[in-house]
Amino acid sequence: PPTVVPASSLNVRFDSRTMNLSWDCQENTTFSRCFLTDKKNRVVEPRLNNNECSCTFREICLHGGVTFEVHVNTSQRGFQQKLLYLNSGREGTAAQNFSCFIYNVDFMNCTWARGPTAPRDVQYFLYIQNSKRRREIRCPYYMQDSGTHVGCHLDNLSGLTSRNYFLVNGTSREIGIQFFDSLLDTKKIERFNPPGNVTVHCNTTHCIVRWKQPRTYQKLSYLDFQYQLDVHRKNTQPGTENLLIDVSGDLENRYNVPSAEPRAKHNVKIRAADVRILNWSSWSEAAEFGSLGYSDCSRQFRRSKTN
């Protein structure tokens, strides 16, 4: 087997902006391997050709600290080197409780809290990279609390992809500030607008509720939607449980409510979600059907959808 030489022979280095790990190329290389191990002993290993002297990590977060490792074999000997990547700065100074959500199709808010051990002069800055790491977005509008950035508003989401990398750096004149990073899927953080144009048309035996599919940031078909209808009688006693009806997305987006005349006054409102996630939108404006003064002749609404 090849003789393993000292670690310094490879000169391994890491660029956190591009997530690229590189090392000095060796002549007559027959085997190369690069990988990282995080604090939970999870291993991430990109695909690598033998003649390459670098590798790029796509789906990783670094704030917990990781250990990079490179193995290279040549026809004469073997090389190995580890590189420990730490989140430098005082423990507890990084931004915490980080979250983002997309709303009204074209806007996104991200928020975070000051780290518990962060000094009074701490300042945080948000950077976003898409999954290909080819474009970096700097926060254009910060939300502040006593002068400290604790949130960011974006009104242009054209640079985002389906999965994005978020980095919150910190600065202080007193001490080093740790960073926080996160990978977020746009489909998991979008809050849909409620369905629009909710209408109800009744005949002698039933009422048909129709609505319009909400516009979304994601490109979704009608099959990606799940709806929930809240049908309730007006002027009921407080604490009365409303009937919630689940309806799958459809080209026509309608639901048949069996309700024979005379029918009491009812309200119906609708909310929407991605069928895979069920992060519900707010409720739509209520639409009314029926008449005041009539008793409710059909309290049981079938949970089936008309075609």
C-alpha atoms as a PDB file:
ATOM      1  CA  PRO A   1       0.000   0.000   0.000  1.00  0.00           C
ATOM      2  CA  PRO A   2       1.119   3.603  -0.538  1.00  0.00           C
ATOM      3  CA  THR A   3       3.002   5.287   2.300  1.00  0.00           C
ATOM      4  CA  VAL A   4       0.940   8.004   4.031  1.00  0.00           C
ATOM      5  CA  VAL A   5       2.859  11.289   4.243  1.00  0.00           C
ATOM      6  CA  PRO A   6       2.320  14.196   6.691  1.00  0.00           C
ATOM      7  CA  ALA A   7      -0.957  16.115   6.463  1.00  0.00           C
ATOM      8  CA  SER A   8       0.708  19.397   5.427  1.00  0.00           C
ATOM      9  CA  SER A   9       1.484  17.903   2.015  1.00  0.00           C
ATOM     10  CA  LEU A  10      -2.054  18.570   0.711  1.00  0.00           C
ATOM     11  CA  ASN A  11      -2.548  22.174   1.925  1.00  0.00           C
ATOM     12  CA  VAL A  12      -6.339  21.753   2.291  1.00  0.00           C
ATOM     13  CA  ARG A  13      -8.386  24.993   2.380  1.00  0.00           C
ATOM     14  CA  PHE A  14     -12.097  25.828   2.430  1.00  0.00           C
ATOM     15  CA  ASP A  15     -14.006  28.805   1.002  1.00  0.00           C
ATOM     16  CA  SER A  16     -17.261  29.212   2.936  1.00  0.00           C
ATOM     17  CA  ARG A  17     -18.737  31.598   0.331  1.00  0.00           C
ATOM     18  CA  THR A  18     -18.552  29.058  -2.482  1.00  0.00           C
ATOM     19  CA  MET A  19     -18.590  25.954  -0.218  1.00  0.00           C
ATOM     20  CA  ASN A  20     -15.523  24.771  -2.132  1.00  0.00           C
ATOM     21  CA  LEU A  21     -12.869  22.555  -0.537  1.00  0.00           C
ATOM     22  CA  SER A  22      -9.561  22.467  -2.436  1.00  0.00           C
ATOM     23  CA  TRP A  23      -6.073  21.029  -2.056  1.00  0.00           C
ATOM     24  CA  ASP A  24      -2.754  20.852  -3.904  1.00  0.00           C
ATOM     25  CA  CYS A  25      -2.868  18.527  -6.887  1.00  0.00           C
ATOM     26  CA  GLN A  26      -0.587  15.503  -6.825  1.00  0.00           C
ATOM     27  CA  GLU A  27       1.059  13.881  -9.835  1.00  0.00           C
ATOM     28  CA  ASN A  28      -0.103  10.429 -10.945  1.00  0.00           C
ATOM     29  CA  THR A  29      -3.223  10.501  -8.741  1.00  0.00           C
ATOM     30  CA  THR A  30      -5.091   7.182  -8.749  1.00  0.00           C
ATOM     31  CA  PHE A  31      -7.756   7.876  -6.111  1.00  0.00           C
ATOM     32  CA  SER A  32      -9.295  10.988  -4.507  1.00  0.00           C
ATOM     33  CA  ARG A  33     -11.942  11.381  -1.850  1.00  0.00           C
ATOM     34  CA  CYS A  34     -13.311  14.387   0.058  1.00  0.00           C
ATOM     35  CA  PHE A  35     -16.027  14.437   2.707  1.00  0.00           C
ATOM     36  CA  LEU A  36     -17.174  16.195   5.857  1.00  0.00           C
ATOM     37  CA  THR A  37     -18.422  14.981   9.212  1.00  0.00           C
ATOM     38  CA  ASP A  38     -20.675  17.128  11.398  1.00  0.00           C
ATOM     39  CA  LYS A  39     -21.141  17.084  15.166  1.00  0.00           C
ATOM     40  CA  LYS A  40     -23.836  14.423  14.867  1.00  0.00           C
ATOM     41  CA  ASN A  41     -21.391  12.203  12.946  1.00  0.00           C
ATOM     42  CA  ARG A  42     -23.351  12.593   9.722  1.00  0.00           C
ATOM     43  CA  VAL A  43     -21.128  12.271   6.647  1.00  0.00           C
ATOM     44  CA  VAL A  44     -21.561  14.248   3.416  1.00  0.00           C
ATOM     45  CA  GLU A  45     -19.441  13.168   0.452  1.00  0.00           C
ATOM     46  CA  PRO A  46     -19.646  14.863  -2.963  1.00  0.00           C
ATOM     47  CA  ARG A  47     -18.917  12.909  -6.116  1.00  0.00           C
ATOM     48  CA  LEU A  48     -15.314  13.427  -7.198  1.00  0.00           C
ATOM     49  CA  ASN A  49     -13.186  12.436 -10.189  1.00  0.00           C
ATOM     50  CA  ASN A  50      -9.633  11.271  -9.557  1.00  0.00           C
ATOM     51  CA  ASN A  51      -8.044  14.122 -11.494  1.00  0.00           C
ATOM     52  CA  GLU A  52      -9.924  16.840  -9.580  1.00  0.00           C
ATOM     53  CA  CYS A  53      -8.301  18.764  -6.739  1.00  0.00           C
ATOM     54  CA  SER A  54     -11.436  20.332  -5.280  1.00  0.00           C
ATOM     55  CA  CYS A  55     -15.017  19.482  -4.367  1.00  0.00           C
ATOM     56  CA  THR A  56     -18.106  21.570  -3.681  1.00  0.00           C
ATOM     57  CA  PHE A  57     -20.665  20.934  -0.940  1.00  0.00           C
ATOM     58  CA  ARG A  58     -24.233  21.949  -1.801  1.00  0.00           C
ATOM     59  CA  GLU A  59     -26.647  20.973   0.951  1.00  0.00           C
ATOM     60  CA  ILE A  60     -24.818  21.733   4.195  1.00  0.00           C
ATOM     61  CA  CYS A  61     -25.003  24.087   7.165  1.00  0.00           C
ATOM     62  CA  LEU A  62     -21.818  25.047   8.977  1.00  0.00           C
ATOM     63  CA  HIS A  63     -22.823  26.849  12.179  1.00  0.00           C
ATOM     64  CA  GLY A  64     -22.464  23.686  14.284  1.00  0.00           C
ATOM     65  CA  GLY A  65     -18.893  23.144  13.093  1.00  0.00           C
ATOM     66  CA  VAL A  66     -17.690  20.402  10.729  1.00  0.00           C
ATOM     67  CA  THR A  67     -14.532  18.426   9.985  1.00  0.00           C
ATOM     68  CA  PHE A  68     -13.389  18.197   6.370  1.00  0.00           C
ATOM     69  CA  GLU A  69     -11.190  15.342   5.258  1.00  0.00           C
ATOM     70  CA  VAL A  70      -9.280  14.667   2.028  1.00  0.00           C
ATOM     71  CA  HIS A  71      -7.740  11.349   0.971  1.00  0.00           C
ATOM     72  CA  VAL A  72      -5.513  11.175  -2.117  1.00  0.00           C
ATOM     73  CA  ASN A  73      -3.595   8.170  -3.440  1.00  0.00           C
ATOM     74  CA  THR A  74      -0.906   8.347  -6.110  1.00  0.00           C
ATOM     75  CA  SER A  75       1.043   5.536  -7.701  1.00  0.00           C
ATOM     76  CA  GLN A  76       3.803   6.107  -5.131  1.00  0.00           C
ATOM     77  CA  ARG A  77       2.110   7.101  -1.854  1.00  0.00           C
ATOM     78  CA  GLY A  78      -1.034   8.183  -0.040  1.00  0.00           C
ATOM     79  CA  PHE A  79      -2.022  11.574   1.408  1.00  0.00           C
ATOM     80  CA  GLN A  80      -4.587  12.380   4.109  1.00  0.00           C
ATOM     81  CA  GLN A  81      -5.505  15.653   5.785  1.00  0.00           C
ATOM     82  CA  LYS A  82      -8.269  16.875   8.089  1.00  0.00           C
ATOM     83  CA  LEU A  83      -9.446  20.467   8.335  1.00  0.00           C
ATOM     84  CA  LEU A  84     -11.533  21.529  11.326  1.00  0.00           C
ATOM     85  CA  TYR A  85     -14.026  24.301  10.494  1.00  0.00           C
ATOM     86  CA  LEU A  86     -15.282  26.020  13.647  1.00  0.00           C
ATOM     87  CA  ASN A  87     -17.888  28.717  14.224  1.00  0.00           C
ATOM     88  CA  SER A  88     -15.540  31.249  15.778  1.00  0.00           C
ATOM     89  CA  GLY A  89     -16.836  33.794  18.271  1.00  0.00           C
ATOM     90  CA  ARG A  90     -18.364  33.703  21.724  1.00  0.00           C
ATOM     91  CA  GLU A  91     -20.879  30.928  22.320  1.00  0.00           C
ATOM     92  CA  GLY A  92     -24.466  32.214  22.326  1.00  0.00           C
ATOM     93  CA  THR A  93     -23.837  35.358  20.277  1.00  0.00           C
ATOM     94  CA  ALA A  94     -25.301  34.068  16.999  1.00  0.00           C
ATOM     95  CA  ALA A  95     -28.770  35.056  15.833  1.00  0.00           C
ATOM     96  CA  GLN A  96     -31.414  32.622  17.069  1.00  0.00           C
ATOM     97  CA  ASN A  97     -35.065  31.715  16.357  1.00  0.00           C
ATOM     98  CA  PHE A  98     -34.463  32.295  12.651  1.00  0.00           C
ATOM     99  CA  SER A  99     -37.421  31.828  10.297  1.00  0.00           C
ATOM    100  CA  CYS A 100     -38.668  33.069   6.924  1.00  0.00           C
ATOM    101  CA  PHE A 101     -42.000  33.071   5.125  1.00  0.00           C
ATOM    102  CA  ILE A 102     -43.152  34.067   1.649  1.00  0.00           C
ATOM    103  CA  TYR A 103     -46.464  35.931   1.486  1.00  0.00           C
ATOM    104  CA  ASN A 104     -48.628  37.736  -1.074  1.00  0.00           C
ATOM    105  CA  VAL A 105     -46.740  35.803  -3.787  1.00  0.00           C
ATOM    106  CA  ASP A 106     -43.949  38.357  -4.250  1.00  0.00           C
ATOM    107  CA  PHE A 107     -42.671  39.154  -0.749  1.00  0.00           C
ATOM    108  CA  MET A 108     -40.619  37.451   1.951  1.00  0.00           C
ATOM    109  CA  ASN A 109     -39.908  38.305   5.582  1.00  0.00           C
ATOM    110  CA  CYS A 110     -37.137  36.723   7.642  1.00  0.00           C
ATOM    111  CA  THR A 111     -36.867  37.304  11.386  1.00  0.00           C
ATOM    112  CA  TRP A 112     -34.441  36.361  14.136  1.00  0.00           C
ATOM    113  CA  ALA A 113     -33.598  37.268  17.721  1.00  0.00           C
ATOM    114  CA  ARG A 114     -30.428  38.604  19.290  1.00  0.00           C
ATOM    115  CA  GLY A 115     -28.185  35.886  20.740  1.00  0.00           C
ATOM    116  CA  PRO A 116     -28.464  35.634  24.566  1.00  0.00           C
ATOM    117  CA  THR A 117     -24.775  36.471  25.147  1.00  0.00           C
ATOM    118  CA  ALA A 118     -24.455  39.026  22.324  1.00  0.00           C
ATOM    119  CA  PRO A 119     -23.135  42.466  23.407  1.00  0.00           C
ATOM    120  CA  ARG A 120     -25.233  45.616  23.161  1.00  0.00           C
ATOM    121  CA  ASP A 121     -23.460  46.828  20.024  1.00  0.00           C
ATOM    122  CA  VAL A 122     -24.046  43.621  18.046  1.00  0.00           C
ATOM    123  CA  GLN A 123     -25.233  44.022  14.478  1.00  0.00           C
ATOM    124  CA  TYR A 124     -26.498  41.230  12.234  1.00  0.00           C
ATOM    125  CA  PHE A 125     -26.500  40.955   8.439  1.00  0.00           C
ATOM    126  CA  LEU A 126     -28.432  38.527   6.231  1.00  0.00           C
ATOM    127  CA  TYR A 127     -27.114  36.995   3.008  1.00  0.00           C
ATOM    128  CA  ILE A 128     -29.018  34.562   0.765  1.00  0.00           C
ATOM    129  CA  GLN A 129     -27.634  32.255  -1.906  1.00  0.00           C
ATOM    130  CA  ASN A 130     -29.645  30.065  -4.249  1.00  0.00           C
ATOM    131  CA  SER A 131     -28.994  26.344  -4.466  1.00  0.00           C
ATOM    132  CA  LYS A 132     -26.433  26.771  -7.244  1.00  0.00           C
ATOM    133  CA  ARG A 133     -24.443  29.319  -5.190  1.00  0.00           C
ATOM    134  CA  ARG A 134     -24.156  31.518  -8.254  1.00  0.00           C
ATOM    135  CA  ARG A 135     -25.855  34.583  -6.855  1.00  0.00           C
ATOM    136  CA  GLU A 136     -25.777  36.243  -3.454  1.00  0.00           C
ATOM    137  CA  ILE A 137     -28.616  38.444  -2.246  1.00  0.00           C
ATOM    138  CA  ARG A 138     -27.933  40.970   0.502  1.00  0.00           C
ATOM    139  CA  CYS A 139     -30.849  42.082   2.601  1.00  0.00           C
ATOM    140  CA  PRO A 140     -32.248  45.298   1.075  1.00  0.00           C
ATOM    141  CA  TYR A 141     -34.523  46.355   3.968  1.00  0.00           C
ATOM    142  CA  TYR A 142     -33.772  45.529   7.609  1.00  0.00           C
ATOM    143  CA  MET A 143     -36.239  45.489  10.492  1.00  0.00           C
ATOM    144  CA  GLN A 144     -34.707  46.832  13.695  1.00  0.00           C
ATOM    145  CA  ASP A 145     -35.104  46.598  17.451  1.00  0.00           C
ATOM    146  CA  SER A 146     -33.255  49.358  19.329  1.00  0.00           C
ATOM    147  CA  GLY A 147     -30.940  49.735  16.341  1.00  0.00           C
ATOM    148  CA  THR A 148     -30.142  46.021  15.977  1.00  0.00           C
ATOM    149  CA  HIS A 149     -31.173  44.207  12.809  1.00  0.00           C
ATOM    150  CA  VAL A 150     -33.703  41.514  13.786  1.00  0.00           C
ATOM    151  CA  GLY A 151     -35.417  40.922  10.462  1.00  0.00           C
ATOM    152  CA  CYS A 152     -35.329  41.471   6.729  1.00  0.00           C
ATOM    153  CA  HIS A 153     -37.968  42.279   4.108  1.00  0.00           C
ATOM    154  CA  LEU A 154     -37.525  41.336   0.448  1.00  0.00           C
ATOM    155  CA  ASP A 155     -39.864  42.543  -2.285  1.00  0.00           C
ATOM    156  CA  ASN A 156     -37.974  40.884  -5.154  1.00  0.00           C
ATOM    157  CA  LEU A 157     -37.714  37.089  -5.050  1.00  0.00           C
ATOM    158  CA  SER A 158     -36.415  36.586  -8.592  1.00  0.00           C
ATOM    159  CA  GLY A 159     -33.014  35.420  -7.318  1.00  0.00           C
ATOM    160  CA  LEU A 160     -34.414  32.549  -5.260  1.00  0.00           C
ATOM    161  CA  THR A 161     -34.601  28.916  -6.329  1.00  0.00           C
ATOM    162  CA  SER A 162     -36.572  26.042  -4.835  1.00  0.00           C
ATOM    163  CA  ARG A 163     -33.948  25.594  -2.092  1.00  0.00           C
ATOM    164  CA  ASN A 164     -31.834  28.438  -0.697  1.00  0.00           C
ATOM    165  CA  TYR A 165     -29.013  29.010   1.776  1.00  0.00           C
ATOM    166  CA  PHE A 166     -29.483  31.710   4.439  1.00  0.00           C
ATOM    167  CA  LEU A 167     -26.543  33.146   6.400  1.00  0.00           C
ATOM    168  CA  VAL A 168     -26.786  35.608   9.304  1.00  0.00           C
ATOM    169  CA  ASN A 169     -23.398  37.089  10.191  1.00  0.00           C
ATOM    170  CA  GLY A 170     -22.731  39.312  13.180  1.00  0.00           C
ATOM    171  CA  THR A 171     -20.270  42.047  14.105  1.00  0.00           C
ATOM    172  CA  SER A 172     -19.265  43.774  17.340  1.00  0.00           C
ATOM    173  CA  ARG A 173     -16.432  45.993  18.533  1.00  0.00           C
ATOM    174  CA  GLU A 174     -16.209  44.039  21.778  1.00  0.00           C
ATOM    175  CA  ILE A 175     -16.099  40.327  20.868  1.00  0.00           C
ATOM    176  CA  GLY A 176     -16.363  37.908  17.965  1.00  0.00           C
ATOM    177  CA  ILE A 177     -19.933  37.034  16.929  1.00  0.00           C
ATOM    178  CA  GLN A 178     -20.853  33.559  15.756  1.00  0.00           C
ATOM    179  CA  PHE A 179     -22.850  33.073  12.563  1.00  0.00           C
ATOM    180  CA  PHE A 180     -26.065  31.153  11.925  1.00  0.00           C
ATOM    181  CA  ASP A 181     -26.950  29.435   8.648  1.00  0.00           C
ATOM    182  CA  SER A 182     -29.939  27.478   7.380  1.00  0.00           C
ATOM    183  CA  LEU A 183     -31.274  25.766   4.243  1.00  0.00           C
ATOM    184  CA  LEU A 184     -34.931  26.485   3.459  1.00  0.00           C
ATOM    185  CA  ASP A 185     -37.294  25.212   0.753  1.00  0.00           C
ATOM    186  CA  THR A 186     -39.546  27.881  -0.741  1.00  0.00           C
ATOM    187  CA  LYS A 187     -42.454  25.420  -0.933  1.00  0.00           C
ATOM    188  CA  LYS A 188     -42.260  24.877   2.833  1.00  0.00           C
ATOM    189  CA  ILE A 189     -42.181  28.563   3.793  1.00  0.00           C
ATOM    190  CA  GLU A 190     -44.827  30.006   1.466  1.00  0.00           C
ATOM    191  CA  ARG A 191     -48.068  31.156   3.051  1.00  0.00           C
ATOM    192  CA  PHE A 192     -50.806  31.067   0.445  1.00  0.00           C
ATOM    193  CA  ASN A 193     -53.320  33.823   0.020  1.00  0.00           C
ATOM    194  CA  PRO A 194     -56.890  32.640   0.672  1.00  0.00           C
ATOM    195  CA  PRO A 195     -58.970  31.482  -2.306  1.00  0.00           C
ATOM    196  CA  GLY A 196     -60.738  34.299  -4.114  1.00  0.00           C
ATOM    197  CA  ASN A 197     -64.132  34.900  -5.698  1.00  0.00           C
ATOM    198  CA  VAL A 198     -66.062  32.591  -3.353  1.00  0.00           C
ATOM    199  CA  THR A 199     -69.648  32.274  -4.604  1.00  0.00           C
ATOM    200  CA  VAL A 200     -72.679  30.149  -3.690  1.00  0.00           C
ATOM    201  CA  HIS A 201     -75.553  29.293  -6.055  1.00  0.00           C
ATOM    202  CA  CYS A 202     -78.547  27.336  -4.747  1.00  0.00           C
ATOM    203  CA  ASN A 203     -81.524  25.455  -6.168  1.00  0.00           C
ATOM    204  CA  THR A 204     -84.321  23.659  -4.353  1.00  0.00           C
ATOM    205  CA  THR A 205     -82.166  20.746  -3.167  1.00  0.00           C
ATOM    206  CA  HIS A 206     -78.574  21.909  -2.789  1.00  0.00           C
ATOM    207  CA  CYS A 207     -76.086  24.755  -3.012  1.00  0.00           C
ATOM    208  CA  ILE A 208     -72.882  24.758  -5.057  1.00  0.00           C
ATOM    209  CA  VAL A 209     -69.875  26.612  -3.615  1.00  0.00           C
ATOM    210  CA  ARG A 210     -67.248  27.761  -6.121  1.00  0.00           C
ATOM    211  CA  TRP A 211     -63.927  29.528  -5.637  1.00  0.00           C
ATOM    212  CA  LYS A 212     -60.788  30.621  -7.473  1.00  0.00           C
ATOM    213  CA  GLN A 213     -57.381  28.999  -6.931  1.00  0.00           C
ATOM    214  CA  PRO A 214     -54.996  31.479  -5.239  1.00  0.00           C
ATOM    215  CA  ARG A 215     -51.970  32.745  -7.142  1.00  0.00           C
ATOM    216  CA  THR A 216     -48.714  31.437  -5.638  1.00  0.00           C
ATOM    217  CA  TYR A 217     -44.965  32.033  -5.808  1.00  0.00           C
ATOM    218  CA  GLN A 218     -44.450  28.381  -6.682  1.00  0.00           C
ATOM    219  CA  LYS A 219     -45.587  26.980 -10.007  1.00  0.00           C
ATOM    220  CA  LEU A 220     -48.362  24.634  -8.900  1.00  0.00           C
ATOM    221  CA  SER A 221     -51.119  22.751 -10.678  1.00  0.00           C
ATOM    222  CA  TYR A 222     -54.634  22.359  -9.297  1.00  0.00           C
ATOM    223  CA  LEU A 223     -53.630  18.879  -8.067  1.00  0.00           C
ATOM    224  CA  ASP A 224     -51.142  20.454  -5.638  1.00  0.00           C
ATOM    225  CA  PHE A 225     -53.891  22.219  -3.677  1.00  0.00           C
ATOM    226  CA  GLN A 226     -55.959  21.129  -0.715  1.00  0.00           C
ATOM    227  CA  TYR A 227     -58.921  23.218   0.433  1.00  0.00           C
ATOM    228  CA  GLN A 228     -60.929  23.361   3.615  1.00  0.00           C
ATOM    229  CA  LEU A 229     -64.462  24.747   3.759  1.00  0.00           C
ATOM    230  CA  ASP A 230     -65.975  26.135   6.938  1.00  0.00           C
ATOM    231  CA  VAL A 231     -69.772  25.944   6.605  1.00  0.00           C
ATOM    232  CA  HIS A 232     -71.709  27.261   9.579  1.00  0.00           C
ATOM    233  CA  ARG A 233     -75.142  28.591  10.381  1.00  0.00           C
ATOM    234  CA  LYS A 234     -75.398  32.265  11.256  1.00  0.00           C
ATOM    235  CA  ASN A 235     -76.442  33.373  14.746  1.00  0.00           C
ATOM    236  CA  THR A 236     -75.572  30.058  16.397  1.00  0.00           C
ATOM    237  CA  GLN A 237     -74.738  29.828  20.080  1.00  0.00           C
ATOM    238  CA  PRO A 238     -71.121  30.605  21.094  1.00  0.00           C
ATOM    239  CA  GLY A 239     -68.989  27.470  21.246  1.00  0.00           C
ATOM    240  CA  THR A 240     -70.938  25.668  18.543  1.00  0.00           C
ATOM    241  CA  GLU A 241     -68.542  23.539  16.495  1.00  0.00           C
ATOM    242  CA  ASN A 242     -68.352  24.471  12.823  1.00  0.00           C
ATOM    243  CA  LEU A 243     -68.317  21.849  10.092  1.00  0.00           C
ATOM    244  CA  LEU A 244     -64.931  21.686   8.313  1.00  0.00           C
ATOM    245  CA  ILE A 245     -64.915  19.933   4.943  1.00  0.00           C
ATOM    246  CA  ASP A 246     -61.701  18.846   3.191  1.00  0.00           C
ATOM    247  CA  VAL A 247     -61.758  19.152  -0.603  1.00  0.00           C
ATOM    248  CA  SER A 248     -58.984  18.198  -3.037  1.00  0.00           C
ATOM    249  CA  GLY A 249     -57.997  20.635  -5.762  1.00  0.00           C
ATOM    250  CA  ASP A 250     -59.879  20.331  -9.049  1.00  0.00           C
ATOM    251  CA  LEU A 251     -60.122  22.124 -12.364  1.00  0.00           C
ATOM    252  CA  GLU A 252     -63.543  23.495 -11.406  1.00  0.00           C
ATOM    253  CA  ASN A 253     -62.971  24.001  -7.638  1.00  0.00           C
ATOM    254  CA  ARG A 254     -66.512  23.485  -6.433  1.00  0.00           C
ATOM    255  CA  TYR A 255     -68.347  21.676  -3.652  1.00  0.00           C
ATOM    256  CA  ASN A 256     -71.951  20.534  -3.453  1.00  0.00           C
ATOM    257  CA  VAL A 257     -73.698  21.294  -0.144  1.00  0.00           C
ATOM    258  CA  PRO A 258     -76.949  19.294   0.184  1.00  0.00           C
ATOM    259  CA  SER A 259     -79.436  21.808   1.576  1.00  0.00           C
ATOM    260  CA  ALA A 260     -83.120  21.619   0.720  1.00  0.00           C
ATOM    261  CA  GLU A 261     -85.410  24.644   0.806  1.00  0.00           C
ATOM    262  CA  PRO A 262     -86.330  26.309   3.048  1.00  0.00           C
ATOM    263  CA  ARG A 263     -82.787  26.718   4.360  1.00  0.00           C
ATOM    264  CA  ALA A 264     -81.423  28.805   7.219  1.00  0.00           C
ATOM    265  CA  LYS A 265     -78.872  31.547   6.724  1.00  0.00           C
ATOM    266  CA  HIS A 266     -75.325  30.126   6.440  1.00  0.00           C
ATOM    267  CA  ASN A 267     -71.826  31.436   5.906  1.00  0.00           C
ATOM    268  CA  VAL A 268     -69.094  29.576   4.047  1.00  0.00           C
ATOM    269  CA  LYS A 269     -65.423  30.510   3.946  1.00  0.00           C
ATOM    270  CA  ILE A 270     -62.453  28.674   2.445  1.00  0.00           C
ATOM    271  CA  ARG A 271     -58.729  28.330   3.044  1.00  0.00           C
ATOM    272  CA  ALA A 272     -55.983  26.696   0.960  1.00  0.00           C
ATOM    273  CA  ALA A 273     -52.733  24.792   1.435  1.00  0.00           C
ATOM    274  CA  ASP A 274     -50.152  22.765  -0.456  1.00  0.00           C
ATOM    275  CA  VAL A 275     -51.455  19.193  -0.270  1.00  0.00           C
ATOM    276  CA  ARG A 276     -47.973  17.937   0.713  1.00  0.00           C
ATOM    277  CA  ILE A 277     -47.458  20.371   3.587  1.00  0.00           C
ATOM    278  CA  LEU A 278     -50.874  21.649   4.791  1.00  0.00           C
ATOM    279  CA  ASN A 279     -49.583  25.020   5.943  1.00  0.00           C
ATOM    280  CA  TRP A 280     -53.009  26.672   5.768  1.00  0.00           C
ATOM    281  CA  SER A 281     -53.700  30.139   4.428  1.00  0.00           C
ATOM    282  CA  SER A 282     -55.943  32.557   6.255  1.00  0.00           C
ATOM    283  CA  TRP A 283     -59.683  32.205   5.657  1.00  0.00           C
ATOM    284  CA  SER A 284     -61.364  33.855   2.697  1.00  0.00           C
ATOM    285  CA  GLU A 285     -64.119  36.395   3.034  1.00  0.00           C
ATOM    286  CA  ALA A 286     -67.365  34.639   3.932  1.00  0.00           C
ATOM    287  CA  ALA A 287     -70.085  34.062   1.341  1.00  0.00           C
ATOM    288  CA  GLU A 288     -73.719  33.728   2.451  1.00  0.00           C
ATOM    289  CA  PHE A 289     -76.580  31.502   1.401  1.00  0.00           C
ATOM    290  CA  GLY A 290     -80.035  30.777   2.813  1.00  0.00           C
ATOM    291  CA  SER A 291     -82.486  33.111   4.526  1.00  0.00           C
ATOM    292  CA  LEU A 292     -82.950  34.354   8.060  1.00  0.00           C
ATOM    293  CA  GLY A 293     -86.045  33.073   9.821  1.00  0.00           C
ATOM    294  CA  TYR A 294     -85.965  29.563   8.377  1.00  0.00           C
ATOM    295  CA  SER A 295     -85.065  26.505  10.378  1.00  0.00           C
ATOM    296  CA  ASP A 296     -82.083  24.430   9.299  1.00  0.00           C
ATOM    297  CA  CYS A 297     -83.525  21.466   7.386  1.00  0.00           C
ATOM    298  CA  SER A 298     -80.176  19.893   6.497  1.00  0.00           C
ATOM    299  CA  ARG A 299     -77.588  19.829   9.252  1.00  0.00           C
ATOM    300  CA  GLN A 300     -75.662  16.897   7.836  1.00  0.00           C
ATOM    301  CA  PHE A 301     -73.479  17.897   4.902  1.00  0.00           C
ATOM    302  CA  ARG A 302     -72.073  14.991   2.928  1.00  0.00           C
ATOM    303  CA  ARG A 303     -68.283  15.062   2.637  1.00  0.00           C
ATOM    304  CA  SER A 304     -68.250  14.179  -1.032  1.00  0.00           C
ATOM    305  CA  LYS A 305     -67.485  16.375  -3.959  1.00  0.00           C
ATOM    306  CA  THR A 306     -69.616  16.716  -7.056  1.00  0.00           C
ATOM    307  CA  ASN A 307     -67.949  16.130 -10.373  1.00  0.00           C
END
